[in-house]
Amino acid sequence: MSNEGDFDFITEGVDVGIRVTDSPPLGLVARELFSVDFVVCASTSYLDTHGRRVHPGPKHRPHTRRAPK
């Protein structure tokens, strides 16, 4: 099962789960398994169209990939 956003392990009856978060939900036992590094990637065509940025600005239009439901 894959989910992005709010998910209640207790209500859903999940015994074991993995969540990437800085703040585990109250009422659950949490252990750090590993650290996660996030990267920002862009194709050459995206950069040709939108330019290279040092940080997101008002014209930044991110495209995100979500887990399938």
N, C-alpha and C. Protein backbone atom coordinates (compact mmCIF):
# COMPACT_ATOMS: atom_id res chain seq x y z
N MET A 1 0.85 -1.15 0.00
CA MET A 1 0.00 0.00 0.00
C MET A 1 0.90 1.23 0.00
N SER A 2 0.55 2.20 -0.79
CA SER A 2 1.30 3.44 -0.84
C SER A 2 0.33 4.59 -0.70
N ASN A 3 0.73 5.61 0.05
CA ASN A 3 -0.17 6.72 0.31
C ASN A 3 0.64 7.99 0.49
N GLU A 4 0.13 9.08 -0.03
CA GLU A 4 0.77 10.38 0.19
C GLU A 4 -0.23 11.26 0.92
N GLY A 5 0.20 11.83 2.02
CA GLY A 5 -0.70 12.68 2.79
C GLY A 5 -1.08 12.03 4.10
N ASP A 6 -2.19 12.47 4.66
CA ASP A 6 -2.64 11.95 5.95
C ASP A 6 -3.08 10.50 5.84
N PHE A 7 -2.61 9.68 6.74
CA PHE A 7 -2.98 8.27 6.77
C PHE A 7 -2.97 7.84 8.23
N ASP A 8 -4.03 7.25 8.69
CA ASP A 8 -4.15 6.83 10.09
C ASP A 8 -3.89 5.33 10.17
N PHE A 9 -2.70 4.95 10.62
CA PHE A 9 -2.34 3.54 10.71
C PHE A 9 -3.30 2.78 11.62
N ILE A 10 -3.72 3.39 12.71
CA ILE A 10 -4.59 2.71 13.68
C ILE A 10 -5.96 2.47 13.08
N THR A 11 -6.58 3.51 12.51
CA THR A 11 -7.91 3.37 11.91
C THR A 11 -7.90 2.38 10.76
N GLU A 12 -6.83 2.37 9.98
CA GLU A 12 -6.73 1.48 8.82
C GLU A 12 -6.33 0.06 9.21
N GLY A 13 -6.00 -0.16 10.48
CA GLY A 13 -5.65 -1.50 10.94
C GLY A 13 -4.29 -1.98 10.48
N VAL A 14 -3.37 -1.07 10.28
CA VAL A 14 -2.02 -1.43 9.82
C VAL A 14 -1.16 -1.75 11.03
N ASP A 15 -0.53 -2.93 11.02
CA ASP A 15 0.33 -3.35 12.13
C ASP A 15 1.74 -2.78 12.02
N VAL A 16 2.28 -2.74 10.80
CA VAL A 16 3.64 -2.24 10.57
C VAL A 16 3.61 -1.36 9.33
N GLY A 17 4.25 -0.20 9.42
CA GLY A 17 4.29 0.70 8.27
C GLY A 17 5.56 1.51 8.28
N ILE A 18 5.89 2.09 7.15
CA ILE A 18 7.04 2.97 7.03
C ILE A 18 6.53 4.33 6.61
N ARG A 19 6.92 5.35 7.35
CA ARG A 19 6.51 6.72 7.05
C ARG A 19 7.76 7.60 7.03
N VAL A 20 7.89 8.42 6.00
CA VAL A 20 8.99 9.37 5.92
C VAL A 20 8.48 10.68 6.51
N THR A 21 9.00 11.03 7.69
CA THR A 21 8.51 12.22 8.39
C THR A 21 9.52 12.70 9.41
N ASP A 22 9.43 13.97 9.74
CA ASP A 22 10.23 14.52 10.83
C ASP A 22 9.49 14.44 12.15
N SER A 23 8.17 14.25 12.09
CA SER A 23 7.37 14.24 13.32
C SER A 23 6.38 13.07 13.30
N PRO A 24 6.74 11.95 13.92
CA PRO A 24 5.84 10.80 13.95
C PRO A 24 4.55 11.13 14.69
N PRO A 25 3.44 10.52 14.29
CA PRO A 25 2.16 10.79 14.94
C PRO A 25 2.16 10.34 16.40
N LEU A 26 1.44 11.08 17.23
CA LEU A 26 1.29 10.69 18.63
C LEU A 26 0.54 9.37 18.71
N GLY A 27 0.87 8.56 19.68
CA GLY A 27 0.18 7.29 19.88
C GLY A 27 0.79 6.12 19.13
N LEU A 28 1.84 6.37 18.35
CA LEU A 28 2.51 5.29 17.63
C LEU A 28 3.95 5.18 18.11
N VAL A 29 4.49 3.98 18.05
CA VAL A 29 5.90 3.77 18.37
C VAL A 29 6.69 3.96 17.08
N ALA A 30 7.68 4.84 17.11
CA ALA A 30 8.45 5.14 15.90
C ALA A 30 9.93 4.93 16.15
N ARG A 31 10.61 4.39 15.15
CA ARG A 31 12.06 4.20 15.20
C ARG A 31 12.66 4.71 13.90
N GLU A 32 13.79 5.39 13.99
CA GLU A 32 14.46 5.83 12.77
C GLU A 32 15.18 4.63 12.15
N LEU A 33 14.88 4.35 10.89
CA LEU A 33 15.51 3.23 10.18
C LEU A 33 16.69 3.71 9.34
N PHE A 34 16.54 4.88 8.74
CA PHE A 34 17.58 5.42 7.87
C PHE A 34 17.25 6.89 7.61
N SER A 35 18.22 7.63 7.09
CA SER A 35 17.96 9.03 6.73
C SER A 35 17.62 9.09 5.24
N VAL A 36 16.90 10.12 4.87
CA VAL A 36 16.47 10.29 3.49
C VAL A 36 16.95 11.65 3.00
N ASP A 37 17.61 11.67 1.86
CA ASP A 37 18.02 12.92 1.22
C ASP A 37 17.10 13.18 0.04
N PHE A 38 16.62 14.40 -0.08
CA PHE A 38 15.77 14.77 -1.19
C PHE A 38 16.60 15.54 -2.21
N VAL A 39 16.32 15.32 -3.48
CA VAL A 39 17.01 16.04 -4.54
C VAL A 39 15.98 16.65 -5.48
N VAL A 40 16.38 17.71 -6.13
CA VAL A 40 15.53 18.34 -7.14
C VAL A 40 16.16 18.04 -8.49
N CYS A 41 15.36 17.50 -9.40
CA CYS A 41 15.85 17.12 -10.72
C CYS A 41 15.04 17.84 -11.79
N ALA A 42 15.68 18.11 -12.92
CA ALA A 42 14.98 18.73 -14.05
C ALA A 42 15.59 18.22 -15.34
N SER A 43 14.73 18.03 -16.33
CA SER A 43 15.21 17.60 -17.64
C SER A 43 15.82 18.80 -18.37
N THR A 44 16.63 18.52 -19.38
CA THR A 44 17.23 19.58 -20.18
C THR A 44 16.15 20.42 -20.84
N SER A 45 15.09 19.78 -21.35
CA SER A 45 14.03 20.55 -22.02
C SER A 45 13.30 21.46 -21.03
N TYR A 46 13.10 21.02 -19.79
CA TYR A 46 12.47 21.87 -18.78
C TYR A 46 13.34 23.09 -18.51
N LEU A 47 14.65 22.87 -18.35
CA LEU A 47 15.56 23.98 -18.08
C LEU A 47 15.64 24.93 -19.27
N ASP A 48 15.60 24.38 -20.50
CA ASP A 48 15.60 25.23 -21.69
C ASP A 48 14.36 26.12 -21.74
N THR A 49 13.23 25.58 -21.31
CA THR A 49 11.97 26.32 -21.35
C THR A 49 11.85 27.32 -20.20
N HIS A 50 12.21 26.89 -18.99
CA HIS A 50 11.96 27.69 -17.79
C HIS A 50 13.21 28.35 -17.21
N GLY A 51 14.38 27.99 -17.71
CA GLY A 51 15.61 28.56 -17.18
C GLY A 51 16.08 27.86 -15.92
N ARG A 52 17.31 28.16 -15.55
CA ARG A 52 17.89 27.59 -14.33
C ARG A 52 17.67 28.55 -13.18
N ARG A 53 17.30 28.01 -12.04
CA ARG A 53 17.03 28.84 -10.86
C ARG A 53 17.92 28.40 -9.70
N VAL A 54 18.27 29.37 -8.87
CA VAL A 54 19.01 29.06 -7.66
C VAL A 54 18.04 28.58 -6.59
N HIS A 55 16.84 29.17 -6.56
CA HIS A 55 15.79 28.74 -5.63
C HIS A 55 14.44 29.01 -6.29
N PRO A 56 13.38 28.34 -5.85
CA PRO A 56 12.06 28.55 -6.46
C PRO A 56 11.61 30.00 -6.32
N GLY A 57 11.09 30.54 -7.37
CA GLY A 57 10.56 31.90 -7.36
C GLY A 57 9.08 31.88 -7.69
N PRO A 58 8.49 33.05 -7.90
CA PRO A 58 7.05 33.12 -8.16
C PRO A 58 6.63 32.44 -9.46
N LYS A 59 7.55 32.30 -10.42
CA LYS A 59 7.20 31.66 -11.69
C LYS A 59 7.47 30.16 -11.69
N HIS A 60 8.00 29.65 -10.60
CA HIS A 60 8.32 28.22 -10.51
C HIS A 60 7.05 27.39 -10.55
N ARG A 61 7.02 26.39 -11.42
CA ARG A 61 5.87 25.50 -11.53
C ARG A 61 6.36 24.06 -11.37
N PRO A 62 6.41 23.58 -10.15
CA PRO A 62 6.94 22.22 -9.94
C PRO A 62 6.00 21.15 -10.46
N HIS A 63 6.58 20.08 -10.89
CA HIS A 63 5.83 18.89 -11.30
C HIS A 63 6.22 17.80 -10.32
N THR A 64 5.27 17.27 -9.60
CA THR A 64 5.59 16.25 -8.61
C THR A 64 5.04 14.91 -9.05
N ARG A 65 5.68 13.88 -8.60
CA ARG A 65 5.20 12.53 -8.88
C ARG A 65 4.60 12.00 -7.59
N ARG A 66 3.37 11.54 -7.70
CA ARG A 66 2.69 10.99 -6.53
C ARG A 66 2.62 9.48 -6.66
N ALA A 67 2.54 8.85 -5.51
CA ALA A 67 2.40 7.39 -5.50
C ALA A 67 1.03 7.01 -6.06
N PRO A 68 0.95 5.94 -6.85
CA PRO A 68 -0.35 5.51 -7.38
C PRO A 68 -1.28 5.06 -6.26
N LYS A 69 -2.56 5.28 -6.46
CA LYS A 69 -3.54 4.86 -5.45
C LYS A 69 -4.09 3.50 -5.78
